[in-house]
Amino acid sequence: AAAEAAGLTVLDLREARLRTVFHDVAAVVYFLRKVVWTVPGFTVE
């Protein structure tokens, strides 16, 4: 809708649901620090 409202014509739209696996909590902490919208305002404490 936003693309069309700006005057663009949409040629392609595809979706995917992707399995993501965390093997330890260090990986979780790193991910949440980097991908900040997952948990806004995330800190370890």
PDB file of all heavy atoms in Angstrom:
ATOM      1  N   ALA A   1       0.828  -1.210   0.000  1.00  0.00           N
ATOM      2  CA  ALA A   1       0.000   0.000   0.000  1.00  0.00           C
ATOM      3  C   ALA A   1       0.860   1.257   0.000  1.00  0.00           C
ATOM      4  O   ALA A   1       0.556   2.237  -0.703  1.00  0.00           O
ATOM      5  CB  ALA A   1      -0.932  -0.010   1.204  1.00  0.00           C
ATOM      6  N   ALA A   2       1.949   1.263   0.786  1.00  0.00           N
ATOM      7  CA  ALA A   2       2.824   2.434   0.850  1.00  0.00           C
ATOM      8  C   ALA A   2       3.551   2.649  -0.464  1.00  0.00           C
ATOM      9  O   ALA A   2       3.731   3.793  -0.913  1.00  0.00           O
ATOM     10  CB  ALA A   2       3.822   2.274   1.995  1.00  0.00           C
ATOM     11  N   ALA A   3       3.999   1.569  -1.085  1.00  0.00           N
ATOM     12  CA  ALA A   3       4.669   1.677  -2.384  1.00  0.00           C
ATOM     13  C   ALA A   3       3.723   2.273  -3.423  1.00  0.00           C
ATOM     14  O   ALA A   3       4.095   3.181  -4.184  1.00  0.00           O
ATOM     15  CB  ALA A   3       5.169   0.312  -2.831  1.00  0.00           C
ATOM     16  N   GLU A   4       2.512   1.774  -3.458  1.00  0.00           N
ATOM     17  CA  GLU A   4       1.552   2.258  -4.445  1.00  0.00           C
ATOM     18  C   GLU A   4       1.153   3.702  -4.169  1.00  0.00           C
ATOM     19  O   GLU A   4       0.978   4.493  -5.103  1.00  0.00           O
ATOM     20  CB  GLU A   4       0.335   1.337  -4.464  1.00  0.00           C
ATOM     21  CG  GLU A   4       0.672  -0.049  -5.021  1.00  0.00           C
ATOM     22  CD  GLU A   4      -0.492  -1.026  -4.945  1.00  0.00           C
ATOM     23  OE1 GLU A   4      -1.473  -0.739  -4.208  1.00  0.00           O
ATOM     24  OE2 GLU A   4      -0.413  -2.084  -5.603  1.00  0.00           O
ATOM     25  N   ALA A   5       1.039   4.063  -2.886  1.00  0.00           N
ATOM     26  CA  ALA A   5       0.708   5.441  -2.547  1.00  0.00           C
ATOM     27  C   ALA A   5       1.809   6.410  -2.990  1.00  0.00           C
ATOM     28  O   ALA A   5       1.537   7.578  -3.278  1.00  0.00           O
ATOM     29  CB  ALA A   5       0.477   5.568  -1.048  1.00  0.00           C
ATOM     30  N   ALA A   6       3.057   5.931  -3.037  1.00  0.00           N
ATOM     31  CA  ALA A   6       4.174   6.767  -3.488  1.00  0.00           C
ATOM     32  C   ALA A   6       4.294   6.818  -5.005  1.00  0.00           C
ATOM     33  O   ALA A   6       5.175   7.498  -5.533  1.00  0.00           O
ATOM     34  CB  ALA A   6       5.481   6.239  -2.879  1.00  0.00           C
ATOM     35  N   GLY A   7       3.434   6.070  -5.703  1.00  0.00           N
ATOM     36  CA  GLY A   7       3.454   6.089  -7.157  1.00  0.00           C
ATOM     37  C   GLY A   7       4.226   4.961  -7.799  1.00  0.00           C
ATOM     38  O   GLY A   7       4.467   4.979  -9.010  1.00  0.00           O
ATOM     39  N   LEU A   8       4.621   3.967  -7.024  1.00  0.00           N
ATOM     40  CA  LEU A   8       5.353   2.822  -7.549  1.00  0.00           C
ATOM     41  C   LEU A   8       4.400   1.674  -7.875  1.00  0.00           C
ATOM     42  O   LEU A   8       3.312   1.567  -7.307  1.00  0.00           O
ATOM     43  CB  LEU A   8       6.395   2.349  -6.545  1.00  0.00           C
ATOM     44  CG  LEU A   8       7.429   3.387  -6.095  1.00  0.00           C
ATOM     45  CD1 LEU A   8       8.336   2.807  -5.028  1.00  0.00           C
ATOM     46  CD2 LEU A   8       8.257   3.879  -7.287  1.00  0.00           C
ATOM     47  N   THR A   9       4.832   0.809  -8.771  1.00  0.00           N
ATOM     48  CA  THR A   9       4.078  -0.389  -9.126  1.00  0.00           C
ATOM     49  C   THR A   9       4.813  -1.611  -8.579  1.00  0.00           C
ATOM     50  O   THR A   9       5.996  -1.810  -8.887  1.00  0.00           O
ATOM     51  CB  THR A   9       3.938  -0.522 -10.649  1.00  0.00           C
ATOM     52  OG1 THR A   9       3.236   0.616 -11.155  1.00  0.00           O
ATOM     53  CG2 THR A   9       3.172  -1.787 -11.020  1.00  0.00           C
ATOM     54  N   VAL A  10       4.153  -2.397  -7.758  1.00  0.00           N
ATOM     55  CA  VAL A  10       4.778  -3.576  -7.156  1.00  0.00           C
ATOM     56  C   VAL A  10       4.803  -4.720  -8.171  1.00  0.00           C
ATOM     57  O   VAL A  10       3.764  -5.100  -8.716  1.00  0.00           O
ATOM     58  CB  VAL A  10       4.030  -3.993  -5.877  1.00  0.00           C
ATOM     59  CG1 VAL A  10       4.618  -5.291  -5.314  1.00  0.00           C
ATOM     60  CG2 VAL A  10       4.114  -2.881  -4.839  1.00  0.00           C
ATOM     61  N   LEU A  11       6.005  -5.256  -8.394  1.00  0.00           N
ATOM     62  CA  LEU A  11       6.193  -6.340  -9.342  1.00  0.00           C
ATOM     63  C   LEU A  11       6.257  -7.708  -8.670  1.00  0.00           C
ATOM     64  O   LEU A  11       5.895  -8.722  -9.265  1.00  0.00           O
ATOM     65  CB  LEU A  11       7.490  -6.134 -10.139  1.00  0.00           C
ATOM     66  CG  LEU A  11       7.639  -4.836 -10.917  1.00  0.00           C
ATOM     67  CD1 LEU A  11       9.009  -4.802 -11.583  1.00  0.00           C
ATOM     68  CD2 LEU A  11       6.529  -4.690 -11.952  1.00  0.00           C
ATOM     69  N   ASP A  12       6.756  -7.747  -7.429  1.00  0.00           N
ATOM     70  CA  ASP A  12       6.990  -9.037  -6.774  1.00  0.00           C
ATOM     71  C   ASP A  12       6.839  -8.863  -5.274  1.00  0.00           C
ATOM     72  O   ASP A  12       7.263  -7.847  -4.707  1.00  0.00           O
ATOM     73  CB  ASP A  12       8.404  -9.540  -7.111  1.00  0.00           C
ATOM     74  CG  ASP A  12       8.623 -10.997  -6.750  1.00  0.00           C
ATOM     75  OD1 ASP A  12       7.654 -11.691  -6.382  1.00  0.00           O
ATOM     76  OD2 ASP A  12       9.783 -11.460  -6.827  1.00  0.00           O
ATOM     77  N   LEU A  13       6.238  -9.851  -4.618  1.00  0.00           N
ATOM     78  CA  LEU A  13       6.105  -9.864  -3.164  1.00  0.00           C
ATOM     79  C   LEU A  13       6.156 -11.321  -2.722  1.00  0.00           C
ATOM     80  O   LEU A  13       5.351 -12.136  -3.171  1.00  0.00           O
ATOM     81  CB  LEU A  13       4.789  -9.220  -2.728  1.00  0.00           C
ATOM     82  CG  LEU A  13       4.554  -9.158  -1.211  1.00  0.00           C
ATOM     83  CD1 LEU A  13       5.493  -8.143  -0.563  1.00  0.00           C
ATOM     84  CD2 LEU A  13       3.101  -8.798  -0.903  1.00  0.00           C
ATOM     85  N   ARG A  14       7.108 -11.636  -1.837  1.00  0.00           N
ATOM     86  CA  ARG A  14       7.252 -13.009  -1.341  1.00  0.00           C
ATOM     87  C   ARG A  14       7.511 -12.968   0.159  1.00  0.00           C
ATOM     88  O   ARG A  14       8.093 -12.015   0.668  1.00  0.00           O
ATOM     89  CB  ARG A  14       8.429 -13.723  -2.013  1.00  0.00           C
ATOM     90  CG  ARG A  14       8.450 -13.651  -3.527  1.00  0.00           C
ATOM     91  CD  ARG A  14       9.619 -14.443  -4.091  1.00  0.00           C
ATOM     92  NE  ARG A  14      10.174 -13.817  -5.276  1.00  0.00           N
ATOM     93  CZ  ARG A  14      11.241 -14.240  -5.933  1.00  0.00           C
ATOM     94  NH1 ARG A  14      11.878 -15.333  -5.503  1.00  0.00           N
ATOM     95  NH2 ARG A  14      11.696 -13.591  -6.993  1.00  0.00           N
ATOM     96  N   GLU A  15       7.106 -14.024   0.862  1.00  0.00           N
ATOM     97  CA  GLU A  15       7.307 -14.129   2.301  1.00  0.00           C
ATOM     98  C   GLU A  15       8.022 -15.423   2.649  1.00  0.00           C
ATOM     99  O   GLU A  15       7.927 -16.424   1.917  1.00  0.00           O
ATOM    100  CB  GLU A  15       5.972 -14.099   3.043  1.00  0.00           C
ATOM    101  CG  GLU A  15       5.238 -12.791   3.000  1.00  0.00           C
ATOM    102  CD  GLU A  15       4.050 -12.788   3.947  1.00  0.00           C
ATOM    103  OE1 GLU A  15       4.269 -12.963   5.170  1.00  0.00           O
ATOM    104  OE2 GLU A  15       2.921 -12.629   3.464  1.00  0.00           O
ATOM    105  N   ALA A  16       8.721 -15.421   3.803  1.00  0.00           N
ATOM    106  CA  ALA A  16       9.384 -16.631   4.286  1.00  0.00           C
ATOM    107  C   ALA A  16       9.398 -16.651   5.809  1.00  0.00           C
ATOM    108  O   ALA A  16       9.532 -15.600   6.448  1.00  0.00           O
ATOM    109  CB  ALA A  16      10.816 -16.710   3.749  1.00  0.00           C
ATOM    110  N   ARG A  17       9.217 -17.835   6.376  1.00  0.00           N
ATOM    111  CA  ARG A  17       9.324 -18.076   7.818  1.00  0.00           C
ATOM    112  C   ARG A  17      10.544 -18.980   8.015  1.00  0.00           C
ATOM    113  O   ARG A  17      10.598 -20.090   7.479  1.00  0.00           O
ATOM    114  CB  ARG A  17       8.056 -18.740   8.345  1.00  0.00           C
ATOM    115  CG  ARG A  17       8.007 -18.993   9.850  1.00  0.00           C
ATOM    116  CD  ARG A  17       6.620 -19.505  10.208  1.00  0.00           C
ATOM    117  NE  ARG A  17       6.456 -19.734  11.644  1.00  0.00           N
ATOM    118  CZ  ARG A  17       6.623 -20.916  12.223  1.00  0.00           C
ATOM    119  NH1 ARG A  17       6.979 -21.992  11.507  1.00  0.00           N
ATOM    120  NH2 ARG A  17       6.443 -21.039  13.533  1.00  0.00           N
ATOM    121  N   LEU A  18      11.529 -18.509   8.765  1.00  0.00           N
ATOM    122  CA  LEU A  18      12.860 -19.099   8.776  1.00  0.00           C
ATOM    123  C   LEU A  18      13.235 -19.592  10.171  1.00  0.00           C
ATOM    124  O   LEU A  18      13.253 -18.812  11.130  1.00  0.00           O
ATOM    125  CB  LEU A  18      13.890 -18.067   8.291  1.00  0.00           C
ATOM    126  CG  LEU A  18      13.521 -17.386   6.965  1.00  0.00           C
ATOM    127  CD1 LEU A  18      14.376 -16.164   6.741  1.00  0.00           C
ATOM    128  CD2 LEU A  18      13.645 -18.362   5.806  1.00  0.00           C
ATOM    129  N   ARG A  19      13.540 -20.865  10.283  1.00  0.00           N
ATOM    130  CA  ARG A  19      13.875 -21.461  11.572  1.00  0.00           C
ATOM    131  C   ARG A  19      15.224 -20.922  12.066  1.00  0.00           C
ATOM    132  O   ARG A  19      16.224 -20.930  11.351  1.00  0.00           O
ATOM    133  CB  ARG A  19      13.934 -22.984  11.442  1.00  0.00           C
ATOM    134  CG  ARG A  19      14.049 -23.739  12.753  1.00  0.00           C
ATOM    135  CD  ARG A  19      13.888 -25.235  12.495  1.00  0.00           C
ATOM    136  NE  ARG A  19      13.811 -25.985  13.738  1.00  0.00           N
ATOM    137  CZ  ARG A  19      14.857 -26.546  14.346  1.00  0.00           C
ATOM    138  NH1 ARG A  19      16.073 -26.433  13.810  1.00  0.00           N
ATOM    139  NH2 ARG A  19      14.699 -27.218  15.471  1.00  0.00           N
ATOM    140  N   THR A  20      15.229 -20.451  13.302  1.00  0.00           N
ATOM    141  CA  THR A  20      16.422 -19.870  13.922  1.00  0.00           C
ATOM    142  C   THR A  20      16.698 -20.605  15.230  1.00  0.00           C
ATOM    143  O   THR A  20      15.791 -20.781  16.043  1.00  0.00           O
ATOM    144  CB  THR A  20      16.216 -18.377  14.196  1.00  0.00           C
ATOM    145  OG1 THR A  20      15.813 -17.735  12.984  1.00  0.00           O
ATOM    146  CG2 THR A  20      17.484 -17.722  14.711  1.00  0.00           C
ATOM    147  N   VAL A  21      17.952 -21.034  15.430  1.00  0.00           N
ATOM    148  CA  VAL A  21      18.309 -21.893  16.565  1.00  0.00           C
ATOM    149  C   VAL A  21      19.428 -21.234  17.369  1.00  0.00           C
ATOM    150  O   VAL A  21      20.455 -20.836  16.803  1.00  0.00           O
ATOM    151  CB  VAL A  21      18.768 -23.281  16.070  1.00  0.00           C
ATOM    152  CG1 VAL A  21      19.154 -24.175  17.246  1.00  0.00           C
ATOM    153  CG2 VAL A  21      17.674 -23.944  15.236  1.00  0.00           C
ATOM    154  N   PHE A  22      19.230 -21.121  18.687  1.00  0.00           N
ATOM    155  CA  PHE A  22      20.239 -20.585  19.601  1.00  0.00           C
ATOM    156  C   PHE A  22      20.731 -21.715  20.494  1.00  0.00           C
ATOM    157  O   PHE A  22      19.944 -22.348  21.206  1.00  0.00           O
ATOM    158  CB  PHE A  22      19.648 -19.467  20.465  1.00  0.00           C
ATOM    159  CG  PHE A  22      19.248 -18.250  19.697  1.00  0.00           C
ATOM    160  CD1 PHE A  22      17.954 -18.122  19.198  1.00  0.00           C
ATOM    161  CD2 PHE A  22      20.157 -17.226  19.455  1.00  0.00           C
ATOM    162  CE1 PHE A  22      17.575 -16.997  18.486  1.00  0.00           C
ATOM    163  CE2 PHE A  22      19.776 -16.098  18.737  1.00  0.00           C
ATOM    164  CZ  PHE A  22      18.487 -15.977  18.253  1.00  0.00           C
ATOM    165  N   HIS A  23      22.046 -21.927  20.492  1.00  0.00           N
ATOM    166  CA  HIS A  23      22.626 -23.031  21.254  1.00  0.00           C
ATOM    167  C   HIS A  23      23.062 -22.637  22.657  1.00  0.00           C
ATOM    168  O   HIS A  23      23.311 -23.512  23.484  1.00  0.00           O
ATOM    169  CB  HIS A  23      23.807 -23.640  20.490  1.00  0.00           C
ATOM    170  CG  HIS A  23      23.396 -24.317  19.221  1.00  0.00           C
ATOM    171  ND1 HIS A  23      22.897 -25.591  19.184  1.00  0.00           N
ATOM    172  CD2 HIS A  23      23.385 -23.865  17.937  1.00  0.00           C
ATOM    173  CE1 HIS A  23      22.609 -25.926  17.935  1.00  0.00           C
ATOM    174  NE2 HIS A  23      22.901 -24.889  17.160  1.00  0.00           N
ATOM    175  N   ASP A  24      23.210 -21.337  22.921  1.00  0.00           N
ATOM    176  CA  ASP A  24      23.543 -20.914  24.286  1.00  0.00           C
ATOM    177  C   ASP A  24      23.066 -19.487  24.509  1.00  0.00           C
ATOM    178  O   ASP A  24      22.702 -18.773  23.565  1.00  0.00           O
ATOM    179  CB  ASP A  24      25.040 -21.065  24.599  1.00  0.00           C
ATOM    180  CG  ASP A  24      25.942 -20.192  23.736  1.00  0.00           C
ATOM    181  OD1 ASP A  24      25.572 -19.044  23.442  1.00  0.00           O
ATOM    182  OD2 ASP A  24      27.034 -20.656  23.365  1.00  0.00           O
ATOM    183  N   VAL A  25      23.062 -19.075  25.769  1.00  0.00           N
ATOM    184  CA  VAL A  25      22.502 -17.769  26.107  1.00  0.00           C
ATOM    185  C   VAL A  25      23.428 -16.629  25.683  1.00  0.00           C
ATOM    186  O   VAL A  25      22.975 -15.495  25.490  1.00  0.00           O
ATOM    187  CB  VAL A  25      22.165 -17.717  27.613  1.00  0.00           C
ATOM    188  CG1 VAL A  25      23.423 -17.504  28.454  1.00  0.00           C
ATOM    189  CG2 VAL A  25      21.127 -16.634  27.910  1.00  0.00           C
ATOM    190  N   ALA A  26      24.724 -16.889  25.484  1.00  0.00           N
ATOM    191  CA  ALA A  26      25.614 -15.852  24.954  1.00  0.00           C
ATOM    192  C   ALA A  26      25.164 -15.428  23.564  1.00  0.00           C
ATOM    193  O   ALA A  26      25.188 -14.233  23.223  1.00  0.00           O
ATOM    194  CB  ALA A  26      27.052 -16.353  24.920  1.00  0.00           C
ATOM    195  N   ALA A  27      24.756 -16.398  22.745  1.00  0.00           N
ATOM    196  CA  ALA A  27      24.255 -16.079  21.407  1.00  0.00           C
ATOM    197  C   ALA A  27      22.994 -15.230  21.491  1.00  0.00           C
ATOM    198  O   ALA A  27      22.803 -14.302  20.701  1.00  0.00           O
ATOM    199  CB  ALA A  27      23.990 -17.365  20.629  1.00  0.00           C
ATOM    200  N   VAL A  28      22.136 -15.531  22.450  1.00  0.00           N
ATOM    201  CA  VAL A  28      20.909 -14.749  22.643  1.00  0.00           C
ATOM    202  C   VAL A  28      21.257 -13.306  23.023  1.00  0.00           C
ATOM    203  O   VAL A  28      20.704 -12.346  22.473  1.00  0.00           O
ATOM    204  CB  VAL A  28      20.017 -15.396  23.717  1.00  0.00           C
ATOM    205  CG1 VAL A  28      18.858 -14.486  24.084  1.00  0.00           C
ATOM    206  CG2 VAL A  28      19.505 -16.749  23.233  1.00  0.00           C
ATOM    207  N   VAL A  29      22.173 -13.136  23.962  1.00  0.00           N
ATOM    208  CA  VAL A  29      22.561 -11.793  24.404  1.00  0.00           C
ATOM    209  C   VAL A  29      23.147 -10.995  23.236  1.00  0.00           C
ATOM    210  O   VAL A  29      22.777  -9.827  23.017  1.00  0.00           O
ATOM    211  CB  VAL A  29      23.570 -11.881  25.563  1.00  0.00           C
ATOM    212  CG1 VAL A  29      24.202 -10.521  25.856  1.00  0.00           C
ATOM    213  CG2 VAL A  29      22.884 -12.425  26.813  1.00  0.00           C
ATOM    214  N   TYR A  30      24.043 -11.593  22.499  1.00  0.00           N
ATOM    215  CA  TYR A  30      24.642 -10.914  21.346  1.00  0.00           C
ATOM    216  C   TYR A  30      23.564 -10.514  20.349  1.00  0.00           C
ATOM    217  O   TYR A  30      23.540  -9.369  19.862  1.00  0.00           O
ATOM    218  CB  TYR A  30      25.653 -11.847  20.684  1.00  0.00           C
ATOM    219  CG  TYR A  30      26.234 -11.342  19.394  1.00  0.00           C
ATOM    220  CD1 TYR A  30      27.258 -10.412  19.373  1.00  0.00           C
ATOM    221  CD2 TYR A  30      25.750 -11.808  18.169  1.00  0.00           C
ATOM    222  CE1 TYR A  30      27.792  -9.951  18.176  1.00  0.00           C
ATOM    223  CE2 TYR A  30      26.272 -11.359  16.970  1.00  0.00           C
ATOM    224  CZ  TYR A  30      27.294 -10.431  16.977  1.00  0.00           C
ATOM    225  OH  TYR A  30      27.809  -9.984  15.788  1.00  0.00           O
ATOM    226  N   PHE A  31      22.655 -11.420  20.034  1.00  0.00           N
ATOM    227  CA  PHE A  31      21.598 -11.148  19.066  1.00  0.00           C
ATOM    228  C   PHE A  31      20.710  -9.991  19.530  1.00  0.00           C
ATOM    229  O   PHE A  31      20.394  -9.085  18.752  1.00  0.00           O
ATOM    230  CB  PHE A  31      20.760 -12.412  18.853  1.00  0.00           C
ATOM    231  CG  PHE A  31      19.681 -12.253  17.825  1.00  0.00           C
ATOM    232  CD1 PHE A  31      19.926 -12.518  16.493  1.00  0.00           C
ATOM    233  CD2 PHE A  31      18.406 -11.846  18.191  1.00  0.00           C
ATOM    234  CE1 PHE A  31      18.931 -12.359  15.538  1.00  0.00           C
ATOM    235  CE2 PHE A  31      17.404 -11.684  17.253  1.00  0.00           C
ATOM    236  CZ  PHE A  31      17.666 -11.945  15.918  1.00  0.00           C
ATOM    237  N   LEU A  32      20.324  -9.999  20.798  1.00  0.00           N
ATOM    238  CA  LEU A  32      19.438  -8.953  21.302  1.00  0.00           C
ATOM    239  C   LEU A  32      20.126  -7.594  21.376  1.00  0.00           C
ATOM    240  O   LEU A  32      19.478  -6.551  21.235  1.00  0.00           O
ATOM    241  CB  LEU A  32      18.891  -9.348  22.672  1.00  0.00           C
ATOM    242  CG  LEU A  32      17.928 -10.542  22.678  1.00  0.00           C
ATOM    243  CD1 LEU A  32      17.519 -10.896  24.096  1.00  0.00           C
ATOM    244  CD2 LEU A  32      16.699 -10.271  21.820  1.00  0.00           C
ATOM    245  N   ARG A  33      21.431  -7.575  21.591  1.00  0.00           N
ATOM    246  CA  ARG A  33      22.174  -6.320  21.569  1.00  0.00           C
ATOM    247  C   ARG A  33      22.279  -5.765  20.152  1.00  0.00           C
ATOM    248  O   ARG A  33      22.329  -4.541  19.958  1.00  0.00           O
ATOM    249  CB  ARG A  33      23.577  -6.524  22.132  1.00  0.00           C
ATOM    250  CG  ARG A  33      23.622  -6.800  23.622  1.00  0.00           C
ATOM    251  CD  ARG A  33      25.055  -7.125  24.083  1.00  0.00           C
ATOM    252  NE  ARG A  33      25.962  -6.050  23.734  1.00  0.00           N
ATOM    253  CZ  ARG A  33      27.132  -6.222  23.093  1.00  0.00           C
ATOM    254  NH1 ARG A  33      27.523  -7.449  22.718  1.00  0.00           N
ATOM    255  NH2 ARG A  33      27.893  -5.197  22.818  1.00  0.00           N
ATOM    256  N   LYS A  34      22.323  -6.648  19.174  1.00  0.00           N
ATOM    257  CA  LYS A  34      22.550  -6.242  17.794  1.00  0.00           C
ATOM    258  C   LYS A  34      21.236  -5.947  17.064  1.00  0.00           C
ATOM    259  O   LYS A  34      21.123  -4.952  16.346  1.00  0.00           O
ATOM    260  CB  LYS A  34      23.319  -7.356  17.063  1.00  0.00           C
ATOM    261  CG  LYS A  34      23.920  -6.972  15.731  1.00  0.00           C
ATOM    262  CD  LYS A  34      24.746  -8.137  15.208  1.00  0.00           C
ATOM    263  CE  LYS A  34      25.474  -7.786  13.918  1.00  0.00           C
ATOM    264  NZ  LYS A  34      26.673  -6.965  14.159  1.00  0.00           N
ATOM    265  N   VAL A  35      20.253  -6.798  17.252  1.00  0.00           N
ATOM    266  CA  VAL A  35      18.965  -6.658  16.571  1.00  0.00           C
ATOM    267  C   VAL A  35      18.008  -6.018  17.565  1.00  0.00           C
ATOM    268  O   VAL A  35      17.182  -6.680  18.202  1.00  0.00           O
ATOM    269  CB  VAL A  35      18.466  -8.021  16.063  1.00  0.00           C
ATOM    270  CG1 VAL A  35      17.228  -7.853  15.196  1.00  0.00           C
ATOM    271  CG2 VAL A  35      19.563  -8.727  15.263  1.00  0.00           C
ATOM    272  N   VAL A  36      18.126  -4.712  17.718  1.00  0.00           N
ATOM    273  CA  VAL A  36      17.592  -4.014  18.894  1.00  0.00           C
ATOM    274  C   VAL A  36      16.066  -3.967  18.938  1.00  0.00           C
ATOM    275  O   VAL A  36      15.487  -3.744  20.004  1.00  0.00           O
ATOM    276  CB  VAL A  36      18.166  -2.578  18.979  1.00  0.00           C
ATOM    277  CG1 VAL A  36      19.668  -2.623  19.205  1.00  0.00           C
ATOM    278  CG2 VAL A  36      17.845  -1.786  17.706  1.00  0.00           C
ATOM    279  N   TRP A  37      15.402  -4.169  17.794  1.00  0.00           N
ATOM    280  CA  TRP A  37      13.933  -4.097  17.807  1.00  0.00           C
ATOM    281  C   TRP A  37      13.297  -5.378  18.350  1.00  0.00           C
ATOM    282  O   TRP A  37      12.104  -5.409  18.617  1.00  0.00           O
ATOM    283  CB  TRP A  37      13.415  -3.819  16.397  1.00  0.00           C
ATOM    284  CG  TRP A  37      13.965  -4.736  15.355  1.00  0.00           C
ATOM    285  CD1 TRP A  37      13.549  -6.013  15.055  1.00  0.00           C
ATOM    286  CD2 TRP A  37      15.057  -4.457  14.474  1.00  0.00           C
ATOM    287  NE1 TRP A  37      14.310  -6.540  14.051  1.00  0.00           N
ATOM    288  CE2 TRP A  37      15.244  -5.603  13.663  1.00  0.00           C
ATOM    289  CE3 TRP A  37      15.875  -3.338  14.275  1.00  0.00           C
ATOM    290  CZ2 TRP A  37      16.231  -5.671  12.680  1.00  0.00           C
ATOM    291  CZ3 TRP A  37      16.858  -3.421  13.311  1.00  0.00           C
ATOM    292  CH2 TRP A  37      17.033  -4.567  12.523  1.00  0.00           C
ATOM    293  N   THR A  38      14.082  -6.446  18.547  1.00  0.00           N
ATOM    294  CA  THR A  38      13.515  -7.695  19.071  1.00  0.00           C
ATOM    295  C   THR A  38      13.001  -7.489  20.488  1.00  0.00           C
ATOM    296  O   THR A  38      11.895  -7.925  20.836  1.00  0.00           O
ATOM    297  CB  THR A  38      14.564  -8.816  19.043  1.00  0.00           C
ATOM    298  OG1 THR A  38      15.142  -8.900  17.735  1.00  0.00           O
ATOM    299  CG2 THR A  38      13.948 -10.160  19.408  1.00  0.00           C
ATOM    300  N   VAL A  39      13.809  -6.835  21.321  1.00  0.00           N
ATOM    301  CA  VAL A  39      13.418  -6.466  22.685  1.00  0.00           C
ATOM    302  C   VAL A  39      13.892  -5.028  22.893  1.00  0.00           C
ATOM    303  O   VAL A  39      15.028  -4.800  23.303  1.00  0.00           O
ATOM    304  CB  VAL A  39      14.030  -7.410  23.738  1.00  0.00           C
ATOM    305  CG1 VAL A  39      13.631  -6.967  25.150  1.00  0.00           C
ATOM    306  CG2 VAL A  39      13.599  -8.854  23.491  1.00  0.00           C
ATOM    307  N   PRO A  40      13.068  -4.034  22.578  1.00  0.00           N
ATOM    308  CA  PRO A  40      13.500  -2.638  22.711  1.00  0.00           C
ATOM    309  C   PRO A  40      13.994  -2.324  24.124  1.00  0.00           C
ATOM    310  O   PRO A  40      13.377  -2.719  25.116  1.00  0.00           O
ATOM    311  CB  PRO A  40      12.227  -1.853  22.375  1.00  0.00           C
ATOM    312  CG  PRO A  40      11.445  -2.778  21.493  1.00  0.00           C
ATOM    313  CD  PRO A  40      11.700  -4.150  22.032  1.00  0.00           C
ATOM    314  N   GLY A  41      15.137  -1.639  24.197  1.00  0.00           N
ATOM    315  CA  GLY A  41      15.701  -1.285  25.489  1.00  0.00           C
ATOM    316  C   GLY A  41      16.391  -2.426  26.198  1.00  0.00           C
ATOM    317  O   GLY A  41      16.682  -2.336  27.396  1.00  0.00           O
ATOM    318  N   PHE A  42      16.730  -3.483  25.466  1.00  0.00           N
ATOM    319  CA  PHE A  42      17.368  -4.643  26.101  1.00  0.00           C
ATOM    320  C   PHE A  42      18.710  -4.283  26.724  1.00  0.00           C
ATOM    321  O   PHE A  42      19.536  -3.612  26.106  1.00  0.00           O
ATOM    322  CB  PHE A  42      17.593  -5.756  25.073  1.00  0.00           C
ATOM    323  CG  PHE A  42      18.422  -6.894  25.600  1.00  0.00           C
ATOM    324  CD1 PHE A  42      17.835  -7.887  26.367  1.00  0.00           C
ATOM    325  CD2 PHE A  42      19.797  -6.959  25.364  1.00  0.00           C
ATOM    326  CE1 PHE A  42      18.584  -8.926  26.875  1.00  0.00           C
ATOM    327  CE2 PHE A  42      20.555  -7.996  25.866  1.00  0.00           C
ATOM    328  CZ  PHE A  42      19.947  -8.984  26.628  1.00  0.00           C
ATOM    329  N   THR A  43      18.925  -4.731  27.957  1.00  0.00           N
ATOM    330  CA  THR A  43      20.235  -4.793  28.586  1.00  0.00           C
ATOM    331  C   THR A  43      20.306  -6.095  29.370  1.00  0.00           C
ATOM    332  O   THR A  43      19.270  -6.648  29.779  1.00  0.00           O
ATOM    333  CB  THR A  43      20.500  -3.617  29.552  1.00  0.00           C
ATOM    334  OG1 THR A  43      19.599  -3.729  30.674  1.00  0.00           O
ATOM    335  CG2 THR A  43      20.316  -2.266  28.869  1.00  0.00           C
ATOM    336  N   VAL A  44      21.506  -6.583  29.577  1.00  0.00           N
ATOM    337  CA  VAL A  44      21.678  -7.828  30.329  1.00  0.00           C
ATOM    338  C   VAL A  44      21.122  -7.687  31.735  1.00  0.00           C
ATOM    339  O   VAL A  44      20.419  -8.578  32.247  1.00  0.00           O
ATOM    340  CB  VAL A  44      23.161  -8.235  30.357  1.00  0.00           C
ATOM    341  CG1 VAL A  44      23.400  -9.354  31.370  1.00  0.00           C
ATOM    342  CG2 VAL A  44      23.605  -8.686  28.962  1.00  0.00           C
ATOM    343  N   GLU A  45      21.406  -6.583  32.392  1.00  0.00           N
ATOM    344  CA  GLU A  45      20.957  -6.421  33.780  1.00  0.00           C
ATOM    345  C   GLU A  45      19.437  -6.357  33.869  1.00  0.00           C
ATOM    346  O   GLU A  45      18.833  -6.948  34.769  1.00  0.00           O
ATOM    347  CB  GLU A  45      21.605  -5.173  34.400  1.00  0.00           C
ATOM    348  CG  GLU A  45      23.082  -5.343  34.678  1.00  0.00           C
ATOM    349  CD  GLU A  45      23.387  -6.599  35.486  1.00  0.00           C
ATOM    350  OE1 GLU A  45      22.691  -6.840  36.495  1.00  0.00           O
ATOM    351  OE2 GLU A  45      24.291  -7.350  35.107  1.00  0.00           O
TER     352      GLU A  45
END
